[in-house]
N, C-alpha and C. Protein backbone atom coordinates (compact mmCIF):
# COMPACT_ATOMS: atom_id res chain seq x y z
N THR A 1 0.83 -1.19 0.00
CA THR A 1 0.00 0.00 0.00
C THR A 1 0.88 1.25 0.00
N LEU A 2 0.33 2.32 -0.54
CA LEU A 2 1.04 3.59 -0.60
C LEU A 2 1.13 4.22 0.79
N PRO A 3 2.10 5.11 0.99
CA PRO A 3 2.15 5.85 2.25
C PRO A 3 0.83 6.56 2.49
N SER A 4 0.41 6.61 3.76
CA SER A 4 -0.88 7.19 4.12
C SER A 4 -0.78 7.89 5.46
N LYS A 5 -1.65 8.89 5.68
CA LYS A 5 -1.67 9.53 6.99
C LYS A 5 -2.57 8.79 7.97
N LYS A 6 -3.32 7.80 7.48
CA LYS A 6 -4.22 7.04 8.34
C LYS A 6 -3.41 6.28 9.39
N GLY A 7 -3.70 6.54 10.66
CA GLY A 7 -3.00 5.87 11.75
C GLY A 7 -1.55 6.27 11.89
N LEU A 8 -1.18 7.43 11.35
CA LEU A 8 0.23 7.85 11.33
C LEU A 8 0.84 7.89 12.73
N GLU A 9 0.14 8.47 13.70
CA GLU A 9 0.69 8.59 15.04
C GLU A 9 0.95 7.22 15.66
N ASP A 10 0.02 6.29 15.50
CA ASP A 10 0.20 4.94 16.05
C ASP A 10 1.35 4.21 15.37
N ARG A 11 1.46 4.35 14.06
CA ARG A 11 2.57 3.70 13.35
C ARG A 11 3.91 4.30 13.77
N LEU A 12 3.93 5.62 14.00
CA LEU A 12 5.16 6.26 14.46
C LEU A 12 5.54 5.75 15.85
N LEU A 13 4.58 5.65 16.77
CA LEU A 13 4.87 5.14 18.11
C LEU A 13 5.42 3.71 18.06
N ALA A 14 4.87 2.89 17.19
CA ALA A 14 5.37 1.52 17.03
C ALA A 14 6.79 1.53 16.49
N ALA A 15 7.07 2.41 15.54
CA ALA A 15 8.42 2.51 14.98
C ALA A 15 9.41 3.02 16.02
N LEU A 16 8.98 3.96 16.88
CA LEU A 16 9.86 4.45 17.95
C LEU A 16 10.17 3.33 18.94
N ALA A 17 9.19 2.48 19.23
CA ALA A 17 9.43 1.33 20.11
C ALA A 17 10.48 0.41 19.49
N GLN A 18 10.39 0.22 18.19
CA GLN A 18 11.38 -0.59 17.46
C GLN A 18 12.75 0.09 17.49
N ALA A 19 12.78 1.41 17.41
CA ALA A 19 14.04 2.17 17.38
C ALA A 19 14.76 2.17 18.72
N GLU A 20 14.05 1.86 19.79
CA GLU A 20 14.70 1.86 21.11
C GLU A 20 15.86 0.88 21.17
N GLY A 21 15.83 -0.16 20.36
CA GLY A 21 16.92 -1.13 20.34
C GLY A 21 18.09 -0.73 19.47
N GLU A 22 17.98 0.37 18.77
CA GLU A 22 19.04 0.86 17.88
C GLU A 22 19.81 1.99 18.56
N ARG A 23 20.93 2.35 17.98
CA ARG A 23 21.77 3.42 18.54
C ARG A 23 21.49 4.75 17.86
N GLY A 24 21.56 5.82 18.66
CA GLY A 24 21.47 7.16 18.12
C GLY A 24 20.11 7.79 18.30
N ASP A 25 20.06 9.07 17.92
CA ASP A 25 18.81 9.82 17.93
C ASP A 25 18.01 9.47 16.70
N VAL A 26 16.75 9.93 16.67
CA VAL A 26 15.82 9.56 15.60
C VAL A 26 15.40 10.81 14.83
N LEU A 27 15.41 10.72 13.50
CA LEU A 27 14.89 11.76 12.62
C LEU A 27 13.65 11.20 11.94
N VAL A 28 12.51 11.89 12.12
CA VAL A 28 11.25 11.44 11.54
C VAL A 28 10.83 12.42 10.46
N PHE A 29 10.59 11.91 9.26
CA PHE A 29 10.11 12.75 8.16
C PHE A 29 8.59 12.74 8.12
N LEU A 30 8.01 13.92 8.26
CA LEU A 30 6.56 14.10 8.23
C LEU A 30 6.22 15.17 7.19
N PRO A 31 4.99 15.19 6.68
CA PRO A 31 4.67 16.10 5.59
C PRO A 31 4.50 17.57 5.96
N GLY A 32 4.17 17.90 7.21
CA GLY A 32 3.93 19.31 7.53
C GLY A 32 3.83 19.58 9.02
N LYS A 33 3.64 20.86 9.34
CA LYS A 33 3.57 21.30 10.73
C LYS A 33 2.42 20.65 11.49
N GLN A 34 1.30 20.47 10.84
CA GLN A 34 0.14 19.86 11.50
C GLN A 34 0.47 18.44 11.96
N GLU A 35 1.07 17.65 11.09
CA GLU A 35 1.42 16.27 11.44
C GLU A 35 2.54 16.26 12.50
N ILE A 36 3.47 17.19 12.41
CA ILE A 36 4.52 17.30 13.41
C ILE A 36 3.91 17.56 14.78
N GLY A 37 2.95 18.48 14.86
CA GLY A 37 2.30 18.80 16.13
C GLY A 37 1.55 17.61 16.71
N ARG A 38 0.80 16.91 15.86
CA ARG A 38 0.03 15.75 16.34
C ARG A 38 0.95 14.62 16.80
N CYS A 39 2.02 14.39 16.05
CA CYS A 39 2.94 13.32 16.43
C CYS A 39 3.72 13.68 17.70
N ALA A 40 4.09 14.95 17.86
CA ALA A 40 4.78 15.38 19.08
C ALA A 40 3.89 15.15 20.29
N GLU A 41 2.62 15.51 20.18
CA GLU A 41 1.67 15.29 21.28
C GLU A 41 1.54 13.81 21.60
N ALA A 42 1.46 12.97 20.58
CA ALA A 42 1.31 11.53 20.79
C ALA A 42 2.53 10.95 21.49
N ILE A 43 3.72 11.36 21.08
CA ILE A 43 4.95 10.86 21.70
C ILE A 43 5.01 11.27 23.17
N LEU A 44 4.75 12.54 23.43
CA LEU A 44 4.84 13.05 24.80
C LEU A 44 3.77 12.44 25.71
N ALA A 45 2.61 12.10 25.15
CA ALA A 45 1.53 11.50 25.94
C ALA A 45 1.82 10.04 26.27
N LYS A 46 2.55 9.34 25.41
CA LYS A 46 2.76 7.90 25.58
C LYS A 46 4.10 7.52 26.21
N SER A 47 5.08 8.41 26.17
CA SER A 47 6.41 8.02 26.62
C SER A 47 7.18 9.20 27.17
N ASN A 48 7.99 8.95 28.19
CA ASN A 48 8.87 10.00 28.70
C ASN A 48 10.33 9.65 28.39
N ARG A 49 10.53 8.76 27.43
CA ARG A 49 11.88 8.30 27.07
C ARG A 49 12.57 9.21 26.06
N TRP A 50 11.82 10.10 25.44
CA TRP A 50 12.35 10.88 24.33
C TRP A 50 12.28 12.38 24.61
N ASP A 51 13.30 13.10 24.17
CA ASP A 51 13.22 14.56 24.04
C ASP A 51 12.71 14.80 22.63
N VAL A 52 11.68 15.60 22.48
CA VAL A 52 11.09 15.85 21.17
C VAL A 52 11.53 17.22 20.68
N ALA A 53 12.07 17.26 19.47
CA ALA A 53 12.45 18.52 18.81
C ALA A 53 11.74 18.57 17.46
N THR A 54 11.52 19.78 16.96
CA THR A 54 10.86 19.93 15.66
C THR A 54 11.72 20.75 14.72
N LEU A 55 11.51 20.52 13.43
CA LEU A 55 12.26 21.24 12.41
C LEU A 55 11.39 21.37 11.16
N HIS A 56 11.08 22.63 10.82
CA HIS A 56 10.32 22.90 9.60
C HIS A 56 10.68 24.29 9.11
N GLY A 57 10.31 24.60 7.90
CA GLY A 57 10.70 25.84 7.24
C GLY A 57 10.14 27.11 7.86
N ASP A 58 9.06 27.03 8.62
CA ASP A 58 8.48 28.22 9.23
C ASP A 58 9.14 28.61 10.55
N MET A 59 10.12 27.82 11.01
CA MET A 59 10.79 28.12 12.27
C MET A 59 11.82 29.23 12.07
N ALA A 60 12.06 30.00 13.12
CA ALA A 60 13.12 31.00 13.10
C ALA A 60 14.47 30.30 12.99
N LEU A 61 15.44 30.94 12.35
CA LEU A 61 16.76 30.33 12.19
C LEU A 61 17.38 29.95 13.53
N ARG A 62 17.17 30.76 14.55
CA ARG A 62 17.71 30.48 15.88
C ARG A 62 17.17 29.15 16.40
N ASP A 63 15.86 28.94 16.22
CA ASP A 63 15.23 27.70 16.69
C ASP A 63 15.69 26.50 15.86
N GLN A 64 15.90 26.71 14.57
CA GLN A 64 16.44 25.63 13.74
C GLN A 64 17.84 25.27 14.20
N GLY A 65 18.61 26.26 14.59
CA GLY A 65 19.97 26.02 15.07
C GLY A 65 20.01 25.18 16.32
N ASP A 66 18.98 25.28 17.17
CA ASP A 66 18.92 24.46 18.39
C ASP A 66 18.90 22.97 18.04
N VAL A 67 18.25 22.62 16.95
CA VAL A 67 18.19 21.21 16.52
C VAL A 67 19.56 20.76 16.02
N LEU A 68 20.29 21.67 15.40
CA LEU A 68 21.59 21.32 14.84
C LEU A 68 22.70 21.29 15.89
N ASN A 69 22.46 21.83 17.08
CA ASN A 69 23.44 21.85 18.16
C ASN A 69 22.84 21.17 19.39
N PRO A 70 22.76 19.85 19.37
CA PRO A 70 22.10 19.15 20.48
C PRO A 70 22.91 19.25 21.77
N SER A 71 22.23 19.02 22.85
CA SER A 71 22.86 19.00 24.17
C SER A 71 23.87 17.86 24.23
N THR A 72 24.99 18.11 24.87
CA THR A 72 26.00 17.05 25.04
C THR A 72 25.98 16.50 26.46
N SER A 73 24.95 16.83 27.21
CA SER A 73 24.82 16.36 28.58
C SER A 73 24.75 14.83 28.60
N PRO A 74 25.54 14.17 29.46
CA PRO A 74 25.50 12.71 29.50
C PRO A 74 24.19 12.16 30.06
N THR A 75 23.39 12.99 30.71
CA THR A 75 22.14 12.52 31.30
C THR A 75 20.93 12.82 30.42
N ARG A 76 21.14 13.39 29.26
CA ARG A 76 20.00 13.74 28.41
C ARG A 76 19.33 12.49 27.85
N LYS A 77 18.04 12.63 27.57
CA LYS A 77 17.28 11.56 26.94
C LYS A 77 17.67 11.49 25.47
N ARG A 78 17.36 10.37 24.84
CA ARG A 78 17.54 10.31 23.39
C ARG A 78 16.55 11.27 22.76
N ARG A 79 16.90 11.77 21.61
CA ARG A 79 16.12 12.80 20.96
C ARG A 79 15.43 12.24 19.74
N VAL A 80 14.19 12.70 19.52
CA VAL A 80 13.47 12.42 18.29
C VAL A 80 13.19 13.77 17.65
N VAL A 81 13.67 13.95 16.42
CA VAL A 81 13.48 15.19 15.68
C VAL A 81 12.39 14.95 14.65
N LEU A 82 11.29 15.69 14.79
CA LEU A 82 10.18 15.60 13.85
C LEU A 82 10.37 16.70 12.82
N ALA A 83 10.55 16.32 11.55
CA ALA A 83 10.93 17.30 10.52
C ALA A 83 10.14 17.11 9.24
N THR A 84 10.02 18.20 8.51
CA THR A 84 9.48 18.13 7.15
C THR A 84 10.64 17.77 6.22
N ASN A 85 10.39 17.79 4.93
CA ASN A 85 11.45 17.46 3.97
C ASN A 85 12.54 18.51 3.91
N VAL A 86 12.46 19.57 4.75
CA VAL A 86 13.56 20.54 4.84
C VAL A 86 14.84 19.83 5.29
N ALA A 87 14.70 18.72 6.02
CA ALA A 87 15.87 17.98 6.50
C ALA A 87 16.32 16.90 5.51
N GLU A 88 15.65 16.82 4.36
CA GLU A 88 15.95 15.74 3.41
C GLU A 88 17.31 15.91 2.75
N THR A 89 17.64 17.12 2.35
CA THR A 89 18.89 17.31 1.60
C THR A 89 19.76 18.45 2.12
N SER A 90 19.19 19.37 2.86
CA SER A 90 19.90 20.62 3.11
C SER A 90 20.80 20.63 4.33
N LEU A 91 20.71 19.63 5.20
CA LEU A 91 21.53 19.69 6.41
C LEU A 91 21.76 18.31 7.00
N THR A 92 22.75 18.24 7.88
CA THR A 92 23.04 17.02 8.61
C THR A 92 22.81 17.29 10.09
N ILE A 93 21.97 16.52 10.72
CA ILE A 93 21.69 16.69 12.14
C ILE A 93 22.59 15.72 12.90
N PRO A 94 23.46 16.24 13.77
CA PRO A 94 24.37 15.37 14.51
C PRO A 94 23.63 14.38 15.41
N GLY A 95 24.18 13.18 15.51
CA GLY A 95 23.64 12.18 16.43
C GLY A 95 22.55 11.29 15.86
N ILE A 96 22.12 11.54 14.64
CA ILE A 96 21.02 10.75 14.06
C ILE A 96 21.53 9.37 13.65
N GLY A 97 20.91 8.33 14.21
CA GLY A 97 21.24 6.96 13.84
C GLY A 97 20.08 6.23 13.20
N ILE A 98 18.87 6.80 13.39
CA ILE A 98 17.66 6.15 12.88
C ILE A 98 16.81 7.18 12.14
N VAL A 99 16.34 6.82 10.98
CA VAL A 99 15.36 7.63 10.25
C VAL A 99 14.05 6.84 10.23
N ILE A 100 12.97 7.53 10.56
CA ILE A 100 11.62 6.97 10.40
C ILE A 100 10.95 7.83 9.33
N ASP A 101 10.53 7.20 8.26
CA ASP A 101 10.00 7.93 7.11
C ASP A 101 8.52 7.63 6.92
N SER A 102 7.70 8.69 6.99
CA SER A 102 6.26 8.54 6.75
C SER A 102 5.96 8.27 5.28
N GLY A 103 6.89 8.65 4.40
CA GLY A 103 6.67 8.47 2.97
C GLY A 103 5.74 9.50 2.37
N LEU A 104 5.47 10.57 3.12
CA LEU A 104 4.53 11.59 2.66
C LEU A 104 5.21 12.95 2.52
N VAL A 105 4.68 13.74 1.61
CA VAL A 105 5.11 15.11 1.43
C VAL A 105 3.87 15.94 1.10
N ARG A 106 3.87 17.19 1.50
CA ARG A 106 2.77 18.08 1.15
C ARG A 106 3.14 18.78 -0.15
N GLY A 107 2.27 18.66 -1.14
CA GLY A 107 2.54 19.26 -2.44
C GLY A 107 1.28 19.76 -3.11
N MET A 108 1.48 20.51 -4.17
CA MET A 108 0.36 21.07 -4.92
C MET A 108 -0.18 20.04 -5.90
N VAL A 109 -1.50 19.96 -5.94
CA VAL A 109 -2.21 19.14 -6.92
C VAL A 109 -3.12 20.09 -7.68
N TYR A 110 -3.13 19.96 -9.01
CA TYR A 110 -3.93 20.86 -9.84
C TYR A 110 -5.11 20.11 -10.44
N ARG A 111 -6.32 20.70 -10.24
CA ARG A 111 -7.53 20.16 -10.84
C ARG A 111 -8.34 21.32 -11.38
N ALA A 112 -8.74 21.19 -12.60
CA ALA A 112 -9.57 22.21 -13.26
C ALA A 112 -8.94 23.60 -13.14
N GLY A 113 -7.62 23.66 -13.29
CA GLY A 113 -6.92 24.94 -13.29
C GLY A 113 -6.69 25.54 -11.91
N ARG A 114 -7.06 24.85 -10.86
CA ARG A 114 -6.86 25.36 -9.49
C ARG A 114 -5.88 24.47 -8.75
N GLY A 115 -5.05 25.10 -7.94
CA GLY A 115 -4.07 24.36 -7.15
C GLY A 115 -4.54 24.13 -5.73
N TYR A 116 -4.28 22.93 -5.21
CA TYR A 116 -4.66 22.55 -3.85
C TYR A 116 -3.47 21.88 -3.18
N LEU A 117 -3.21 22.26 -1.92
CA LEU A 117 -2.20 21.53 -1.15
C LEU A 117 -2.78 20.20 -0.74
N SER A 118 -2.00 19.15 -0.93
CA SER A 118 -2.48 17.82 -0.64
C SER A 118 -1.32 16.96 -0.13
N LEU A 119 -1.64 15.89 0.58
CA LEU A 119 -0.61 14.93 0.98
C LEU A 119 -0.38 13.96 -0.16
N LEU A 120 0.89 13.79 -0.50
CA LEU A 120 1.26 12.94 -1.63
C LEU A 120 2.33 11.95 -1.20
N PRO A 121 2.37 10.77 -1.81
CA PRO A 121 3.49 9.86 -1.52
C PRO A 121 4.76 10.39 -2.18
N ILE A 122 5.89 10.16 -1.54
CA ILE A 122 7.17 10.57 -2.11
C ILE A 122 7.55 9.59 -3.21
N ALA A 123 8.56 9.94 -4.00
CA ALA A 123 9.10 9.04 -5.01
C ALA A 123 10.26 8.25 -4.41
N ARG A 124 10.68 7.20 -5.09
CA ARG A 124 11.76 6.35 -4.59
C ARG A 124 13.07 7.12 -4.40
N ASP A 125 13.37 8.09 -5.27
CA ASP A 125 14.62 8.84 -5.09
C ASP A 125 14.59 9.63 -3.78
N SER A 126 13.45 10.20 -3.41
CA SER A 126 13.32 10.90 -2.13
C SER A 126 13.42 9.92 -0.96
N ALA A 127 12.85 8.74 -1.12
CA ALA A 127 12.92 7.74 -0.05
C ALA A 127 14.38 7.35 0.21
N GLU A 128 15.15 7.18 -0.85
CA GLU A 128 16.57 6.85 -0.67
C GLU A 128 17.35 8.01 -0.07
N GLN A 129 17.04 9.23 -0.48
CA GLN A 129 17.70 10.41 0.08
C GLN A 129 17.41 10.51 1.57
N ARG A 130 16.17 10.30 1.96
CA ARG A 130 15.78 10.35 3.38
C ARG A 130 16.49 9.26 4.17
N ALA A 131 16.54 8.05 3.63
CA ALA A 131 17.20 6.95 4.33
C ALA A 131 18.67 7.27 4.57
N GLY A 132 19.29 7.95 3.64
CA GLY A 132 20.70 8.32 3.76
C GLY A 132 21.01 9.28 4.89
N ARG A 133 20.00 9.95 5.42
CA ARG A 133 20.22 10.87 6.54
C ARG A 133 20.61 10.12 7.80
N ALA A 134 20.27 8.83 7.89
CA ALA A 134 20.60 8.04 9.08
C ALA A 134 22.06 7.65 9.10
N GLY A 135 22.70 7.55 7.98
CA GLY A 135 24.07 7.08 7.94
C GLY A 135 25.09 8.16 7.63
N ARG A 136 24.77 9.39 7.93
CA ARG A 136 25.67 10.50 7.59
C ARG A 136 26.97 10.47 8.38
N LEU A 137 26.88 10.17 9.67
CA LEU A 137 28.06 10.23 10.53
C LEU A 137 28.41 8.87 11.13
N GLY A 138 27.79 7.82 10.66
CA GLY A 138 28.05 6.48 11.16
C GLY A 138 26.98 5.54 10.65
N PRO A 139 26.99 4.29 11.11
CA PRO A 139 25.96 3.34 10.66
C PRO A 139 24.57 3.82 11.03
N GLY A 140 23.60 3.50 10.20
CA GLY A 140 22.24 3.96 10.47
C GLY A 140 21.20 2.97 10.02
N VAL A 141 19.96 3.22 10.46
CA VAL A 141 18.82 2.36 10.17
C VAL A 141 17.68 3.24 9.67
N CYS A 142 16.93 2.75 8.69
CA CYS A 142 15.75 3.46 8.20
C CYS A 142 14.53 2.56 8.40
N ILE A 143 13.52 3.12 9.05
CA ILE A 143 12.24 2.43 9.25
C ILE A 143 11.21 3.17 8.41
N ARG A 144 10.61 2.45 7.48
CA ARG A 144 9.62 3.08 6.60
C ARG A 144 8.22 2.67 7.06
N LEU A 145 7.32 3.66 7.06
CA LEU A 145 5.96 3.43 7.54
C LEU A 145 5.00 3.08 6.41
N TRP A 146 5.51 2.40 5.40
CA TRP A 146 4.67 1.94 4.29
C TRP A 146 5.24 0.62 3.78
N ALA A 147 4.45 -0.07 2.99
CA ALA A 147 4.85 -1.38 2.48
C ALA A 147 6.00 -1.25 1.49
N SER A 148 6.94 -2.18 1.55
CA SER A 148 8.08 -2.15 0.63
C SER A 148 7.65 -2.37 -0.82
N THR A 149 6.46 -2.90 -1.01
CA THR A 149 5.95 -3.15 -2.37
C THR A 149 5.11 -1.99 -2.90
N ALA A 150 5.05 -0.88 -2.17
CA ALA A 150 4.24 0.26 -2.61
C ALA A 150 4.71 0.75 -3.98
N PRO A 151 3.78 1.03 -4.88
CA PRO A 151 4.14 1.45 -6.23
C PRO A 151 4.50 2.95 -6.30
N LEU A 152 5.63 3.31 -5.71
CA LEU A 152 6.07 4.71 -5.74
C LEU A 152 6.64 5.05 -7.11
N ASP A 153 6.52 6.32 -7.51
CA ASP A 153 7.20 6.78 -8.72
C ASP A 153 8.70 6.63 -8.50
N GLU A 154 9.44 6.44 -9.57
CA GLU A 154 10.89 6.26 -9.45
C GLU A 154 11.61 7.55 -9.10
N VAL A 155 11.21 8.67 -9.71
CA VAL A 155 11.90 9.93 -9.47
C VAL A 155 10.89 11.04 -9.19
N THR A 156 11.35 12.03 -8.44
CA THR A 156 10.55 13.22 -8.18
C THR A 156 10.67 14.13 -9.39
N LEU A 157 9.55 14.46 -9.99
CA LEU A 157 9.58 15.34 -11.15
C LEU A 157 10.00 16.74 -10.75
N PRO A 158 10.74 17.44 -11.62
CA PRO A 158 11.07 18.84 -11.33
C PRO A 158 9.78 19.65 -11.16
N GLU A 159 9.85 20.67 -10.35
CA GLU A 159 8.66 21.49 -10.03
C GLU A 159 7.97 22.02 -11.28
N ILE A 160 8.71 22.38 -12.29
CA ILE A 160 8.10 22.93 -13.50
C ILE A 160 7.19 21.90 -14.19
N HIS A 161 7.46 20.61 -13.96
CA HIS A 161 6.61 19.56 -14.53
C HIS A 161 5.46 19.19 -13.61
N ARG A 162 5.56 19.55 -12.32
CA ARG A 162 4.51 19.23 -11.36
C ARG A 162 3.49 20.34 -11.24
N GLY A 163 3.89 21.56 -11.49
CA GLY A 163 3.03 22.71 -11.24
C GLY A 163 2.33 23.21 -12.48
N SER A 164 1.43 24.13 -12.24
CA SER A 164 0.69 24.76 -13.33
C SER A 164 1.26 26.15 -13.57
N LEU A 165 1.42 26.51 -14.82
CA LEU A 165 1.91 27.84 -15.16
C LEU A 165 0.78 28.78 -15.54
N VAL A 166 -0.46 28.33 -15.38
CA VAL A 166 -1.63 29.12 -15.77
C VAL A 166 -1.62 30.48 -15.08
N SER A 167 -1.32 30.51 -13.79
CA SER A 167 -1.38 31.80 -13.08
C SER A 167 -0.30 32.76 -13.57
N LEU A 168 0.81 32.25 -14.07
CA LEU A 168 1.86 33.11 -14.61
C LEU A 168 1.49 33.68 -15.96
N VAL A 169 0.73 32.91 -16.72
CA VAL A 169 0.33 33.35 -18.05
C VAL A 169 -0.79 34.33 -17.92
């Protein structure tokens, strides 16, 4: 089956339970701020084992920097960073050993000449890029929240092929 937001919080909690046996902090790819907020609440309500941090494009640079400079305290909890695809290619977060990938991205869908923000499955090239974030500074593990047989597109089309130019014309 394709990546879906149905039961996302429960699937994330199950993946975090699986990640407890692995080394390092956790980077979770989610489609947007709304899903980040819901997943943060679910983690904090169910477990006190994790420090929860968030990372998305609407954050102030100072707050984004806090995620990139984690605490070095020996008594700190393991950290789970809930992020949008801003963390897919543009930066390396120290200490990440596990990636949990929802397989979703928020993107524009055009119908009858109008654009709508919608949740979409990522393509295989994005899935591989996301998985690579776990092994940036050492061995890593990627847990995907969708079936390995999901019929994902092979590559992410360039934006000019995904979007409508009607409003520009």
